[in-house]
N, C-alpha and C. Protein backbone atom coordinates (compact mmCIF):
# COMPACT_ATOMS: atom_id res chain seq x y z
N MET A 1 43.41 -5.20 -64.20
CA MET A 1 43.87 -6.73 -63.30
C MET A 1 43.05 -7.79 -63.23
N SER A 2 43.26 -9.06 -63.87
CA SER A 2 42.75 -10.01 -63.46
C SER A 2 41.97 -10.14 -61.96
N GLU A 3 41.42 -11.12 -62.27
CA GLU A 3 40.59 -11.69 -61.41
C GLU A 3 41.58 -12.17 -60.88
N ARG A 4 41.78 -12.93 -61.07
CA ARG A 4 42.92 -14.76 -60.61
C ARG A 4 44.48 -13.36 -60.00
N LYS A 5 44.53 -12.81 -60.58
CA LYS A 5 45.86 -11.61 -60.35
C LYS A 5 45.66 -11.16 -58.82
N GLU A 6 44.43 -9.98 -58.92
CA GLU A 6 44.09 -9.84 -58.01
C GLU A 6 43.43 -10.26 -56.38
N ILE A 7 43.02 -11.77 -56.87
CA ILE A 7 42.74 -12.59 -55.85
C ILE A 7 44.28 -13.02 -55.28
N SER A 8 45.13 -13.17 -56.05
CA SER A 8 46.35 -13.76 -55.50
C SER A 8 47.17 -12.22 -54.77
N ALA A 9 47.22 -11.31 -55.24
CA ALA A 9 47.90 -10.00 -54.25
C ALA A 9 47.02 -9.46 -53.23
N ASP A 10 45.71 -9.86 -53.22
CA ASP A 10 45.00 -9.60 -51.72
C ASP A 10 45.84 -10.83 -51.19
N LEU A 11 45.84 -12.49 -51.49
CA LEU A 11 45.76 -13.46 -50.51
C LEU A 11 47.62 -13.06 -50.48
N LEU A 12 48.63 -12.58 -51.11
CA LEU A 12 49.45 -12.60 -50.61
C LEU A 12 49.74 -11.59 -49.41
N ASN A 13 49.16 -10.19 -49.55
CA ASN A 13 49.35 -8.92 -48.78
C ASN A 13 48.28 -9.79 -47.13
N LEU A 14 47.75 -10.68 -47.27
CA LEU A 14 46.98 -11.61 -46.39
C LEU A 14 48.10 -12.47 -45.27
N LEU A 15 48.73 -12.84 -46.32
CA LEU A 15 49.98 -13.84 -45.81
C LEU A 15 50.98 -13.26 -45.19
N ARG A 16 51.62 -11.96 -45.52
CA ARG A 16 52.56 -11.23 -44.85
C ARG A 16 51.63 -10.80 -43.70
N ALA A 17 50.67 -10.51 -43.00
CA ALA A 17 50.29 -10.19 -41.80
C ALA A 17 50.92 -11.07 -41.39
N HIS A 18 51.49 -12.40 -41.70
CA HIS A 18 51.54 -13.73 -40.03
C HIS A 18 53.11 -13.47 -40.29
N PRO A 19 53.89 -13.68 -39.20
CA PRO A 19 55.12 -13.93 -39.56
C PRO A 19 55.48 -15.40 -39.27
N VAL A 20 55.74 -15.25 -40.14
CA VAL A 20 56.58 -17.04 -40.60
C VAL A 20 57.69 -16.98 -41.28
N PRO A 21 58.59 -17.74 -41.09
CA PRO A 21 59.97 -18.40 -41.59
C PRO A 21 59.41 -18.06 -43.08
N GLU A 22 60.94 -17.96 -43.79
CA GLU A 22 60.45 -17.92 -45.24
C GLU A 22 60.96 -19.18 -45.25
N SER A 23 60.00 -19.36 -46.98
CA SER A 23 59.03 -20.84 -47.63
C SER A 23 60.72 -21.04 -48.21
N PRO A 24 60.91 -22.70 -48.37
CA PRO A 24 62.19 -23.30 -49.57
C PRO A 24 61.37 -23.02 -50.46
N ALA A 25 59.57 -22.87 -50.90
CA ALA A 25 59.29 -22.74 -52.23
C ALA A 25 59.65 -22.58 -53.17
N THR A 26 60.15 -22.51 -54.50
CA THR A 26 60.22 -21.98 -55.41
C THR A 26 58.84 -20.80 -56.28
N GLU A 27 57.39 -21.54 -55.82
CA GLU A 27 56.43 -20.51 -55.76
C GLU A 27 55.44 -20.51 -55.20
N LEU A 28 54.90 -19.60 -55.22
CA LEU A 28 54.08 -18.93 -53.54
C LEU A 28 52.99 -19.84 -53.84
N GLY A 29 52.69 -20.49 -54.89
CA GLY A 29 51.56 -21.70 -55.20
C GLY A 29 51.41 -23.06 -54.19
N ASP A 30 52.74 -22.72 -54.33
CA ASP A 30 53.20 -24.25 -53.57
C ASP A 30 53.67 -24.24 -52.34
N VAL A 31 53.61 -23.16 -51.78
CA VAL A 31 53.94 -22.83 -50.43
C VAL A 31 52.49 -23.57 -49.58
N ARG A 32 53.53 -24.76 -48.45
CA ARG A 32 52.72 -25.28 -47.69
C ARG A 32 52.55 -24.75 -46.26
N PHE A 33 50.94 -24.78 -46.08
CA PHE A 33 51.07 -23.50 -44.64
C PHE A 33 51.98 -24.06 -43.37
N GLU A 34 51.88 -25.63 -43.00
CA GLU A 34 52.55 -26.62 -41.97
C GLU A 34 53.54 -26.55 -42.10
N GLU A 35 54.08 -26.86 -43.04
CA GLU A 35 55.55 -27.59 -43.56
C GLU A 35 56.42 -26.63 -43.88
N ASP A 36 55.78 -25.28 -45.09
CA ASP A 36 56.79 -24.09 -45.35
C ASP A 36 56.60 -22.78 -44.21
N LEU A 37 55.78 -23.03 -43.99
CA LEU A 37 55.49 -21.45 -43.61
C LEU A 37 56.00 -21.69 -41.60
N GLY A 38 55.52 -23.12 -41.24
CA GLY A 38 55.69 -23.20 -39.80
C GLY A 38 54.32 -23.00 -38.94
N MET A 39 53.35 -22.66 -39.88
CA MET A 39 51.46 -22.29 -39.34
C MET A 39 51.04 -23.66 -38.38
N ASP A 40 51.26 -23.53 -37.47
CA ASP A 40 50.09 -24.31 -36.56
C ASP A 40 48.58 -24.12 -37.01
N SER A 41 47.86 -25.13 -36.49
CA SER A 41 46.63 -24.93 -36.72
C SER A 41 46.05 -23.73 -36.64
N MET A 42 46.14 -23.11 -34.78
CA MET A 42 45.55 -21.95 -34.85
C MET A 42 45.67 -20.63 -36.00
N LYS A 43 47.47 -20.93 -36.62
CA LYS A 43 47.20 -19.59 -36.86
C LYS A 43 46.69 -19.71 -38.69
N ILE A 44 46.63 -21.06 -38.65
CA ILE A 44 46.06 -21.46 -39.73
C ILE A 44 44.23 -20.83 -40.14
N VAL A 45 43.72 -21.46 -39.14
CA VAL A 45 42.07 -20.82 -38.61
C VAL A 45 42.36 -19.51 -38.74
N GLU A 46 43.53 -18.65 -38.21
CA GLU A 46 42.58 -17.27 -38.22
C GLU A 46 42.91 -16.55 -39.76
N LEU A 47 44.11 -17.02 -40.37
CA LEU A 47 44.04 -16.80 -42.27
C LEU A 47 43.11 -17.42 -42.68
N LEU A 48 41.83 -18.61 -42.53
CA LEU A 48 41.26 -18.36 -42.60
C LEU A 48 39.79 -17.72 -42.41
N GLU A 49 40.15 -17.20 -41.37
CA GLU A 49 39.00 -16.42 -41.00
C GLU A 49 38.98 -15.09 -41.84
N GLU A 50 40.76 -15.03 -41.63
CA GLU A 50 40.96 -13.25 -42.58
C GLU A 50 40.38 -13.34 -44.25
N VAL A 51 40.33 -14.41 -44.58
CA VAL A 51 40.13 -14.63 -45.84
C VAL A 51 38.80 -14.55 -46.25
N GLU A 52 38.21 -15.26 -45.25
CA GLU A 52 36.46 -15.39 -45.59
C GLU A 52 36.06 -14.01 -45.35
N GLU A 53 36.25 -13.15 -44.24
CA GLU A 53 36.43 -11.89 -44.10
C GLU A 53 36.54 -11.13 -45.57
N HIS A 54 37.67 -11.07 -45.71
CA HIS A 54 38.09 -10.20 -46.79
C HIS A 54 37.38 -10.42 -48.00
N PHE A 55 36.83 -11.73 -48.35
CA PHE A 55 36.38 -12.32 -49.64
C PHE A 55 34.81 -12.08 -49.05
N GLY A 56 34.06 -12.22 -48.21
CA GLY A 56 33.14 -11.93 -48.12
C GLY A 56 32.14 -13.56 -48.47
N PHE A 57 32.94 -14.53 -47.77
CA PHE A 57 32.14 -16.18 -48.10
C PHE A 57 33.09 -16.85 -46.66
N ALA A 58 31.85 -17.87 -47.19
CA ALA A 58 32.47 -18.64 -45.78
C ALA A 58 33.28 -20.29 -46.99
N ILE A 59 34.27 -20.68 -46.39
CA ILE A 59 34.89 -21.40 -47.07
C ILE A 59 34.19 -22.93 -46.17
N PRO A 60 33.75 -23.34 -47.41
CA PRO A 60 32.94 -24.78 -47.45
C PRO A 60 33.81 -25.97 -46.22
N ASP A 61 32.33 -26.21 -45.42
CA ASP A 61 33.52 -27.87 -44.89
C ASP A 61 34.40 -28.86 -45.51
N GLU A 62 33.65 -29.25 -46.59
CA GLU A 62 34.25 -29.96 -47.88
C GLU A 62 35.77 -29.18 -48.22
N ASP A 63 36.07 -28.63 -48.17
CA ASP A 63 36.76 -27.92 -48.69
C ASP A 63 38.76 -27.61 -47.63
N LEU A 64 38.18 -27.44 -46.28
CA LEU A 64 38.95 -27.31 -45.47
C LEU A 64 39.93 -27.79 -45.30
N ALA A 65 39.68 -29.56 -45.54
CA ALA A 65 40.36 -30.21 -45.35
C ALA A 65 41.71 -30.61 -46.75
N ARG A 66 41.46 -30.06 -47.04
CA ARG A 66 41.89 -29.72 -48.56
C ARG A 66 42.92 -28.77 -48.98
N LEU A 67 42.64 -28.19 -47.63
CA LEU A 67 43.75 -26.38 -47.92
C LEU A 67 45.07 -27.13 -47.24
N HIS A 68 46.00 -27.39 -48.09
CA HIS A 68 47.50 -27.82 -47.73
C HIS A 68 48.29 -26.36 -47.91
N THR A 69 48.19 -25.97 -49.47
CA THR A 69 48.89 -24.97 -49.87
C THR A 69 48.49 -23.43 -49.84
N VAL A 70 48.76 -22.55 -50.27
CA VAL A 70 48.71 -21.51 -51.16
C VAL A 70 47.98 -21.75 -52.00
N ARG A 71 48.13 -22.84 -52.94
CA ARG A 71 47.74 -22.63 -54.36
C ARG A 71 45.81 -23.21 -53.86
N ASP A 72 45.88 -24.13 -52.96
CA ASP A 72 44.91 -24.75 -52.31
C ASP A 72 43.92 -23.99 -52.36
N LEU A 73 44.38 -22.94 -51.55
CA LEU A 73 44.13 -21.80 -51.22
C LEU A 73 42.67 -20.57 -51.81
N GLN A 74 43.69 -20.53 -53.10
CA GLN A 74 43.63 -19.49 -54.24
C GLN A 74 42.53 -20.24 -54.52
N ALA A 75 42.34 -20.91 -55.55
CA ALA A 75 41.48 -22.10 -55.87
C ALA A 75 40.35 -22.13 -55.16
N VAL A 76 40.08 -22.81 -53.51
CA VAL A 76 38.75 -21.98 -53.34
C VAL A 76 37.71 -21.19 -53.10
N ILE A 77 38.96 -19.53 -53.14
CA ILE A 77 38.74 -18.52 -52.97
C ILE A 77 38.23 -18.17 -54.30
N GLU A 78 38.58 -18.33 -56.18
CA GLU A 78 38.40 -18.75 -56.89
C GLU A 78 37.61 -19.06 -57.28
N LYS A 79 36.63 -19.97 -56.21
CA LYS A 79 35.55 -21.33 -57.00
C LYS A 79 34.14 -20.21 -55.89
N ASN A 80 34.86 -19.61 -54.84
CA ASN A 80 33.44 -18.93 -54.26
C ASN A 80 33.32 -17.96 -53.78
N SER A 81 33.81 -17.00 -54.30
CA SER A 81 34.11 -15.54 -54.48
C SER A 81 33.64 -14.78 -55.81
N ASN A 82 32.26 -15.33 -55.78
CA ASN A 82 31.49 -14.53 -56.32
C ASN A 82 31.50 -13.29 -56.96
N ASN A 83 31.54 -13.02 -55.67
CA ASN A 83 30.81 -11.07 -55.46
C ASN A 83 32.80 -10.48 -56.05
N PHE A 84 33.63 -11.27 -56.00
CA PHE A 84 35.04 -10.79 -55.58
C PHE A 84 35.29 -9.21 -56.85
N ALA A 85 35.59 -8.20 -56.51
CA ALA A 85 35.84 -7.00 -57.91
C ALA A 85 36.84 -6.93 -57.67
């Protein structure tokens, strides 16, 4: 399995741990945390903490403001998770 597919699978598993309504987005990458999943800021922070713990890096502050969709988060993970195996 490629690194990108592994990251996608792990991210999907982390998202499943958060009870959220179904999204109208057609692709997982297009799913927006607030608008589609109904996540408030606390739920988003919890998710980001889980991502940091799972992938073993701290999300840089400059990236936090740009995280609106699953695709945005996956890009940050891919950029920062040099040790992902």
